[in-house]
Amino acid sequence: MYLSNPTHPFAMLKKEDIPVFEELIRTVSNDEGIDLLINSPGGDPNTAEKILMMLRHRFKSLHVIIVNYAKSAATMIALGSDKILMRYLAELGPIDPQIQIVRPDGKIETIPAIAFIEGLADIRNRIVKDRDPPEMYMPMIAQIRPEILEICHNAIEDAKTFANKWLMAYMLKDAPEQAKKVAEMLTTGKEYKSHGKVINYKEAKEKLRLNVELIDENSELWDKLWELYIRGEQFLRITNQAKLFENEKVSIAMQVGEMRVAKKSK
């Protein structure tokens, strides 16, 4: 289980999570398959891929369980699974890259990579098609750094390659064309305009055609998963920890700069 504290400023997936995931994986006795319950707003895509590499190296099958939300980089992890289990309120999200820039006032702002590219394309169209005088846009164009545009293009291509690679390897291995289509839909910002767009079970099943299973809301499984999630989230809020990692043997709470480990009693 991997839970992030939604109220904590450092709840995102980060490289610091890797050793903790290794501890969870190392202490799991069954290497046939693993069910990963994840609740996260996302974070570093490179961390997401490394976690996937670790899980797929050790276990023959991987099921990802989403009780509430697994957005952005957390969605990336789900795409590399064999099956996603969701409830009606669970959500995935687009994996279009977000770029951080420093504003003139020194504050850091996060903007979708596609916004830089489409912004420049819009200026070009206004000049070429609408015959607007180029001088109108010179102050705006002067603020666009070429290296940022290159970073945006590369980030989008990397995200698309990631989705296509992992979908074709596992979840959509028998439907390569659908894998390419899903990778395009989730990364380019054309199908899903907002990075926070909700992709629920119905959308994931019918539109993206992912291998998703709806958890029966009246089942004992759902009752236990919901209780586990609620207890974990309340623990994070009360203790102000950033993340909680657990399996049947180990419970690890992470705060910035510290880590608390508790071995569960048998």
Protein backbone atom coordinates (compact mmCIF):
# COMPACT_ATOMS: atom_id res chain seq x y z
CA MET A 1 0.00 0.00 0.00
CA TYR A 2 1.20 3.50 -0.87
CA LEU A 3 -0.79 6.45 0.50
CA SER A 4 -0.03 10.15 0.19
CA ASN A 5 -1.26 12.81 2.58
CA PRO A 6 -3.37 15.19 0.44
CA THR A 7 -2.73 18.10 2.83
CA HIS A 8 1.05 17.67 2.97
CA PRO A 9 3.27 19.87 0.72
CA PHE A 10 5.70 16.99 0.02
CA ALA A 11 3.23 14.21 -0.75
CA MET A 12 4.33 13.75 -4.37
CA LEU A 13 6.10 10.69 -5.78
CA LYS A 14 9.83 11.35 -5.42
CA LYS A 15 13.11 9.47 -5.76
CA GLU A 16 13.24 9.23 -1.96
CA ASP A 17 10.38 6.72 -2.22
CA ILE A 18 12.55 4.17 -4.03
CA PRO A 19 14.41 2.69 -1.00
CA VAL A 20 11.10 2.42 0.86
CA PHE A 21 9.46 0.57 -2.02
CA GLU A 22 12.44 -1.77 -2.10
CA GLU A 23 11.89 -2.49 1.59
CA LEU A 24 8.24 -3.31 0.91
CA ILE A 25 9.09 -5.52 -2.07
CA ARG A 26 11.93 -7.23 -0.23
CA THR A 27 9.68 -8.26 2.65
CA VAL A 28 6.87 -9.73 0.52
CA SER A 29 7.07 -13.50 0.59
CA ASN A 30 4.99 -14.25 -2.52
CA ASP A 31 6.63 -13.37 -5.85
CA GLU A 32 3.82 -14.77 -8.01
CA GLY A 33 1.79 -11.59 -7.91
CA ILE A 34 1.17 -8.41 -5.95
CA ASP A 35 -1.77 -6.06 -5.39
CA LEU A 36 -0.72 -2.44 -4.96
CA LEU A 37 -3.23 -0.09 -3.36
CA ILE A 38 -2.16 3.42 -4.32
CA ASN A 39 -3.54 6.85 -3.51
CA SER A 40 -1.39 9.69 -4.84
CA PRO A 41 -1.65 13.02 -6.68
CA GLY A 42 1.37 12.04 -8.81
CA GLY A 43 4.88 13.44 -8.94
CA ASP A 44 8.14 12.52 -10.66
CA PRO A 45 7.54 10.34 -13.78
CA ASN A 46 11.06 8.89 -13.54
CA THR A 47 10.26 7.65 -10.02
CA ALA A 48 7.04 6.12 -11.36
CA GLU A 49 8.94 4.21 -14.01
CA LYS A 50 11.57 2.99 -11.57
CA ILE A 51 8.89 1.71 -9.20
CA LEU A 52 7.27 -0.09 -12.13
CA MET A 53 10.61 -1.62 -13.11
CA MET A 54 11.12 -2.88 -9.56
CA LEU A 55 7.63 -4.36 -9.29
CA ARG A 56 7.70 -6.02 -12.70
CA HIS A 57 11.17 -7.45 -12.06
CA ARG A 58 10.10 -9.14 -8.85
CA PHE A 59 6.47 -10.17 -9.46
CA LYS A 60 4.91 -12.14 -12.27
CA SER A 61 1.67 -10.17 -12.11
CA LEU A 62 0.71 -6.72 -10.86
CA HIS A 63 -2.75 -5.45 -10.01
CA VAL A 64 -3.22 -1.80 -9.03
CA ILE A 65 -6.10 -0.93 -6.70
CA ILE A 66 -7.46 2.63 -6.73
CA VAL A 67 -9.83 3.49 -3.90
CA ASN A 68 -9.92 7.28 -4.38
CA TYR A 69 -7.40 8.70 -6.86
CA ALA A 70 -4.15 7.90 -8.63
CA LYS A 71 -3.29 10.90 -10.77
CA SER A 72 -0.49 11.84 -13.17
CA ALA A 73 2.64 9.81 -12.30
CA ALA A 74 0.48 7.49 -10.17
CA THR A 75 -1.63 6.85 -13.28
CA MET A 76 1.63 5.95 -15.02
CA ILE A 77 2.20 3.18 -12.48
CA ALA A 78 -1.34 1.91 -13.07
CA LEU A 79 -0.75 1.79 -16.83
CA GLY A 80 2.11 -0.64 -16.28
CA SER A 81 -0.06 -3.12 -14.39
CA ASP A 82 -1.94 -6.15 -15.71
CA LYS A 83 -5.24 -4.97 -14.27
CA ILE A 84 -6.65 -1.91 -12.49
CA LEU A 85 -9.33 -2.39 -9.84
CA MET A 86 -11.53 0.67 -9.22
CA ARG A 87 -14.69 1.75 -7.40
CA TYR A 88 -17.23 4.19 -8.80
CA LEU A 89 -15.50 7.10 -7.02
CA ALA A 90 -11.97 6.12 -8.05
CA GLU A 91 -10.14 8.14 -10.66
CA LEU A 92 -7.14 8.09 -12.95
CA GLY A 93 -5.93 11.19 -14.77
CA PRO A 94 -4.04 12.44 -17.83
CA ILE A 95 -0.24 12.14 -17.81
CA ASP A 96 0.48 15.26 -19.84
CA PRO A 97 3.78 16.72 -18.54
CA GLN A 98 3.81 19.78 -16.29
CA ILE A 99 6.73 22.20 -16.51
CA GLN A 100 7.93 24.39 -13.65
CA ILE A 101 9.11 27.88 -14.52
CA VAL A 102 10.36 30.79 -12.43
CA ARG A 103 8.21 33.87 -12.80
CA PRO A 104 9.69 37.40 -12.80
CA ASP A 105 8.65 37.77 -9.15
CA GLY A 106 10.72 34.70 -8.27
CA LYS A 107 7.79 32.40 -7.61
CA ILE A 108 7.69 28.95 -9.20
CA GLU A 109 4.72 28.25 -11.45
CA THR A 110 3.66 24.89 -12.89
CA ILE A 111 2.24 25.01 -16.42
CA PRO A 112 1.27 22.20 -18.83
CA ALA A 113 4.01 21.63 -21.40
CA ILE A 114 1.44 21.69 -24.18
CA ALA A 115 0.41 25.22 -23.13
CA PHE A 116 3.82 26.60 -24.17
CA ILE A 117 3.65 24.87 -27.53
CA GLU A 118 0.04 25.76 -28.30
CA GLY A 119 0.57 29.33 -27.10
CA LEU A 120 3.31 29.87 -29.67
CA ALA A 121 1.22 28.13 -32.36
CA ASP A 122 -1.69 30.46 -31.58
CA ILE A 123 0.52 33.54 -32.04
CA ARG A 124 1.79 32.12 -35.34
CA ASN A 125 -1.78 31.55 -36.59
CA ARG A 126 -2.85 35.06 -35.62
CA ILE A 127 0.02 36.51 -37.63
CA VAL A 128 -0.21 34.21 -40.66
CA LYS A 129 -3.96 33.59 -40.95
CA ASP A 130 -5.50 36.63 -39.30
CA ARG A 131 -2.84 38.99 -40.64
CA ASP A 132 -2.21 40.55 -37.25
CA PRO A 133 0.91 42.75 -37.26
CA PRO A 134 3.86 40.79 -35.81
CA GLU A 135 4.84 43.81 -33.70
CA MET A 136 1.77 43.19 -31.52
CA TYR A 137 3.25 39.96 -30.24
CA MET A 138 6.94 40.82 -29.99
CA PRO A 139 6.87 41.43 -26.19
CA MET A 140 5.23 38.01 -25.72
CA ILE A 141 7.56 36.20 -28.10
CA ALA A 142 10.58 37.77 -26.40
CA GLN A 143 9.61 35.98 -23.18
CA ILE A 144 9.50 32.52 -24.83
CA ARG A 145 12.82 30.76 -24.32
CA PRO A 146 13.68 28.25 -27.08
CA GLU A 147 15.17 25.78 -24.60
CA ILE A 148 11.89 25.70 -22.67
CA LEU A 149 10.02 24.81 -25.85
CA GLU A 150 12.47 21.99 -26.51
CA ILE A 151 12.02 20.72 -22.95
CA CYS A 152 8.24 20.77 -23.46
CA HIS A 153 8.43 18.80 -26.71
CA ASN A 154 10.77 16.25 -25.15
CA ALA A 155 8.62 15.88 -22.02
CA ILE A 156 5.50 15.14 -24.07
CA GLU A 157 7.34 12.60 -26.22
CA ASP A 158 8.82 10.94 -23.13
CA ALA A 159 5.39 10.61 -21.52
CA LYS A 160 3.92 9.20 -24.72
CA THR A 161 6.78 6.72 -25.05
CA PHE A 162 6.32 5.68 -21.42
CA ALA A 163 2.60 4.99 -21.80
CA ASN A 164 3.00 3.17 -25.10
CA LYS A 165 5.89 1.03 -23.83
CA TRP A 166 4.22 -0.19 -20.65
CA LEU A 167 0.74 -0.63 -22.13
CA MET A 168 2.14 -2.71 -24.98
CA ALA A 169 4.21 -4.79 -22.57
CA TYR A 170 1.34 -5.70 -20.24
CA MET A 171 -2.19 -4.32 -20.10
CA LEU A 172 -2.73 -3.86 -23.86
CA LYS A 173 -0.13 -6.29 -25.15
CA ASP A 174 -2.74 -7.86 -27.42
CA ALA A 175 -3.96 -4.48 -28.71
CA PRO A 176 -0.90 -2.46 -29.82
CA GLU A 177 -2.92 0.06 -31.83
CA GLN A 178 -5.11 0.80 -28.83
CA ALA A 179 -1.98 1.22 -26.71
CA LYS A 180 -0.72 3.90 -29.12
CA LYS A 181 -4.13 5.58 -29.12
CA VAL A 182 -4.32 5.67 -25.32
CA ALA A 183 -0.76 7.02 -25.08
CA GLU A 184 -1.74 9.84 -27.46
CA MET A 185 -4.97 10.62 -25.63
CA LEU A 186 -3.39 10.79 -22.18
CA THR A 187 -0.29 12.84 -23.02
CA THR A 188 -0.97 15.46 -25.67
CA GLY A 189 -3.66 17.54 -23.93
CA LYS A 190 -5.95 17.31 -26.96
CA GLU A 191 -8.40 14.77 -25.58
CA TYR A 192 -8.13 15.86 -21.93
CA LYS A 193 -7.61 19.61 -21.65
CA SER A 194 -7.18 19.68 -17.88
CA HIS A 195 -4.37 17.88 -16.03
CA GLY A 196 -6.80 17.20 -13.20
CA LYS A 197 -9.52 15.70 -15.43
CA VAL A 198 -11.33 12.79 -13.78
CA ILE A 199 -11.04 9.50 -15.64
CA ASN A 200 -13.41 7.17 -13.80
CA TYR A 201 -14.08 3.47 -14.25
CA LYS A 202 -16.58 3.96 -17.08
CA GLU A 203 -14.23 6.21 -19.03
CA ALA A 204 -11.22 3.94 -18.46
CA LYS A 205 -13.21 0.88 -19.54
CA GLU A 206 -15.26 2.17 -22.45
CA LYS A 207 -13.20 5.02 -23.89
CA LEU A 208 -9.62 4.01 -23.16
CA ARG A 209 -10.45 0.27 -23.19
CA LEU A 210 -8.07 -0.47 -20.35
CA ASN A 211 -8.26 -3.71 -18.41
CA VAL A 212 -10.19 -2.37 -15.43
CA GLU A 213 -12.47 -4.16 -13.01
CA LEU A 214 -15.22 -2.54 -10.99
CA ILE A 215 -15.16 -3.49 -7.31
CA ASP A 216 -18.63 -4.36 -6.00
CA GLU A 217 -19.65 -1.71 -3.48
CA ASN A 218 -21.55 -4.32 -1.48
CA SER A 219 -18.64 -6.73 -1.27
CA GLU A 220 -16.54 -7.55 1.76
CA LEU A 221 -13.47 -6.67 -0.31
CA TRP A 222 -14.66 -3.09 -0.77
CA ASP A 223 -15.47 -2.71 2.93
CA LYS A 224 -11.96 -3.79 3.87
CA LEU A 225 -10.24 -1.68 1.22
CA TRP A 226 -12.21 1.41 2.23
CA GLU A 227 -11.47 0.90 5.91
CA LEU A 228 -7.77 0.40 5.18
CA TYR A 229 -7.68 3.58 3.10
CA ILE A 230 -9.59 5.71 5.63
CA ARG A 231 -7.47 4.52 8.56
CA GLY A 232 -4.28 5.22 6.62
CA GLU A 233 -5.36 8.68 5.51
CA GLN A 234 -6.48 9.65 9.01
CA PHE A 235 -3.14 8.50 10.41
CA LEU A 236 -1.32 10.70 7.90
CA ARG A 237 -3.45 13.74 8.73
CA ILE A 238 -3.17 13.34 12.49
CA THR A 239 0.58 12.74 12.48
CA ASN A 240 1.27 15.15 9.59
CA GLN A 241 3.35 12.52 7.79
CA ALA A 242 3.76 12.88 4.03
CA LYS A 243 3.34 9.23 3.00
CA LEU A 244 2.53 5.79 4.33
CA PHE A 245 3.98 2.54 2.94
CA GLU A 246 2.65 -0.78 4.22
CA ASN A 247 2.56 -4.49 3.56
CA GLU A 248 1.64 -7.42 5.80
CA LYS A 249 4.94 -7.19 7.65
CA VAL A 250 6.13 -3.59 7.61
CA SER A 251 4.59 -0.14 8.08
CA ILE A 252 6.69 2.90 7.12
CA ALA A 253 5.63 6.52 7.56
CA MET A 254 7.69 9.15 5.77
CA GLN A 255 8.17 12.76 6.72
CA VAL A 256 10.58 15.10 4.96
CA GLY A 257 14.04 14.29 6.26
CA GLU A 258 12.92 11.36 8.42
CA MET A 259 11.41 7.92 8.19
CA ARG A 260 9.64 5.91 10.87
CA VAL A 261 9.53 2.13 10.53
CA ALA A 262 7.28 -0.18 12.47
CA LYS A 263 7.31 -3.94 12.06
CA LYS A 264 3.86 -5.44 12.38
CA SER A 265 3.21 -8.17 14.92
CA LYS A 266 2.47 -11.60 13.52
